[in-house]
Amino acid sequence: MKESAFQKLQKSNTLSKALPGLRRVFPEFWPQIRQQKLLLSVYCIGLIVELVAQLVRLWSLKFIFDYVILHDTDALALEFPMLADANQMVLLLIFSLGIVRVSRLRDVHYL
């Protein structure tokens, strides 16, 4: 049975085969990387903030589907007693505005 080009590429790009090359290249670039520590740390923080923003956006959608559209008041009363008595339209407005706000905050990253 012949291997496809994709299978050959997968086998050739394993981590164990790439590590010796990375060990040779990394010391060459370390002086330039060291000069950009602040930039790299700000980038990592921004990456984590974007990840959290996506999780919050999806969590808000979960609330909309579970507690507003499906109107599962028993589960809502157990998890969040203060939201159990709230009007569904108010909850929908709050969660929708939360999604919009998180999406806008995420878009600031790209400016």
Protein backbone atom coordinates (compact mmCIF):
# COMPACT_ATOMS: atom_id res chain seq x y z
CA MET A 1 0.00 0.00 0.00
CA LYS A 2 1.43 3.38 -1.04
CA GLU A 3 1.73 6.20 1.47
CA SER A 4 0.21 9.50 0.56
CA ALA A 5 2.29 12.66 0.56
CA PHE A 6 0.44 13.85 3.65
CA GLN A 7 1.37 10.69 5.58
CA LYS A 8 5.01 11.08 4.59
CA LEU A 9 4.95 14.70 5.73
CA GLN A 10 3.43 13.73 9.07
CA LYS A 11 6.11 11.13 9.68
CA SER A 12 8.94 13.49 8.77
CA ASN A 13 7.77 16.33 11.01
CA THR A 14 7.85 14.60 14.37
CA LEU A 15 9.03 16.45 17.44
CA SER A 16 11.93 14.10 18.06
CA LYS A 17 13.28 14.85 14.59
CA ALA A 18 12.81 18.60 14.97
CA LEU A 19 14.44 18.98 18.41
CA PRO A 20 18.09 18.69 17.29
CA GLY A 21 17.55 21.44 14.74
CA LEU A 22 15.81 23.63 17.31
CA ARG A 23 18.67 23.10 19.74
CA ARG A 24 21.08 24.41 17.12
CA VAL A 25 18.94 27.37 16.05
CA PHE A 26 17.70 28.60 19.46
CA PRO A 27 21.13 29.72 20.81
CA GLU A 28 21.68 31.73 17.63
CA PHE A 29 18.50 33.73 18.13
CA TRP A 30 18.59 33.99 21.94
CA PRO A 31 20.27 37.46 22.00
CA GLN A 32 17.50 38.89 19.79
CA ILE A 33 14.80 37.11 21.78
CA ARG A 34 16.22 38.36 25.07
CA GLN A 35 15.96 41.97 23.86
CA GLN A 36 12.24 41.49 23.23
CA LYS A 37 11.26 39.97 26.60
CA LEU A 38 8.79 42.77 27.37
CA LEU A 39 7.14 42.48 23.97
CA LEU A 40 6.87 38.70 24.27
CA SER A 41 5.38 38.90 27.77
CA VAL A 42 2.80 41.50 26.63
CA TYR A 43 1.94 39.24 23.70
CA CYS A 44 1.47 36.23 26.00
CA ILE A 45 -0.78 38.26 28.31
CA GLY A 46 -2.82 39.42 25.31
CA LEU A 47 -3.14 35.84 24.12
CA ILE A 48 -4.44 34.72 27.51
CA VAL A 49 -6.89 37.66 27.63
CA GLU A 50 -8.24 36.72 24.22
CA LEU A 51 -8.67 33.11 25.29
CA VAL A 52 -10.61 34.20 28.38
CA ALA A 53 -12.75 36.54 26.26
CA GLN A 54 -13.70 33.69 23.94
CA LEU A 55 -14.58 31.48 26.90
CA VAL A 56 -16.76 34.21 28.43
CA ARG A 57 -18.53 34.74 25.13
CA LEU A 58 -19.28 31.03 24.82
CA TRP A 59 -20.35 30.88 28.45
CA SER A 60 -22.85 33.68 27.83
CA LEU A 61 -24.25 31.74 24.88
CA LYS A 62 -24.62 28.70 27.13
CA PHE A 63 -26.68 30.77 29.54
CA ILE A 64 -28.88 32.06 26.74
CA PHE A 65 -29.58 28.59 25.39
CA ASP A 66 -29.96 26.82 28.73
CA TYR A 67 -31.78 29.33 30.88
CA VAL A 68 -33.50 31.78 28.54
CA ILE A 69 -34.53 29.86 25.44
CA LEU A 70 -35.10 26.48 27.10
CA HIS A 71 -36.25 28.18 30.34
CA ASP A 72 -34.84 25.60 32.74
CA THR A 73 -35.79 27.39 35.97
CA ASP A 74 -35.05 24.41 38.21
CA ALA A 75 -31.40 24.26 37.17
CA LEU A 76 -31.14 28.07 37.27
CA ALA A 77 -32.60 28.21 40.78
CA LEU A 78 -30.06 25.64 41.98
CA GLU A 79 -27.03 27.31 40.40
CA PHE A 80 -27.98 31.00 40.59
CA PRO A 81 -30.88 31.67 42.96
CA MET A 82 -30.98 35.44 42.29
CA LEU A 83 -31.47 34.89 38.55
CA ALA A 84 -34.28 32.35 38.94
CA ASP A 85 -36.93 35.04 39.44
CA ALA A 86 -35.65 37.37 36.71
CA ASN A 87 -37.63 38.05 33.56
CA GLN A 88 -36.45 36.04 30.54
CA MET A 89 -36.25 39.12 28.34
CA VAL A 90 -34.07 40.91 30.89
CA LEU A 91 -31.76 37.89 31.08
CA LEU A 92 -31.61 37.75 27.28
CA LEU A 93 -30.74 41.45 27.14
CA ILE A 94 -28.04 41.14 29.81
CA PHE A 95 -26.38 38.10 28.26
CA SER A 96 -26.62 39.51 24.73
CA LEU A 97 -25.02 42.77 25.82
CA GLY A 98 -22.33 40.72 27.53
CA ILE A 99 -21.58 38.91 24.29
CA VAL A 100 -21.44 42.19 22.38
CA ARG A 101 -19.18 43.77 24.99
CA VAL A 102 -16.76 40.84 25.01
CA SER A 103 -16.70 40.77 21.21
CA ARG A 104 -15.93 44.48 21.08
CA LEU A 105 -13.16 44.07 23.65
CA ARG A 106 -11.76 41.27 21.55
CA ASP A 107 -11.80 43.48 18.47
CA VAL A 108 -9.74 46.14 20.25
CA HIS A 109 -6.91 43.63 20.18
CA TYR A 110 -6.77 43.89 16.37
CA LEU A 111 -6.53 47.69 16.21
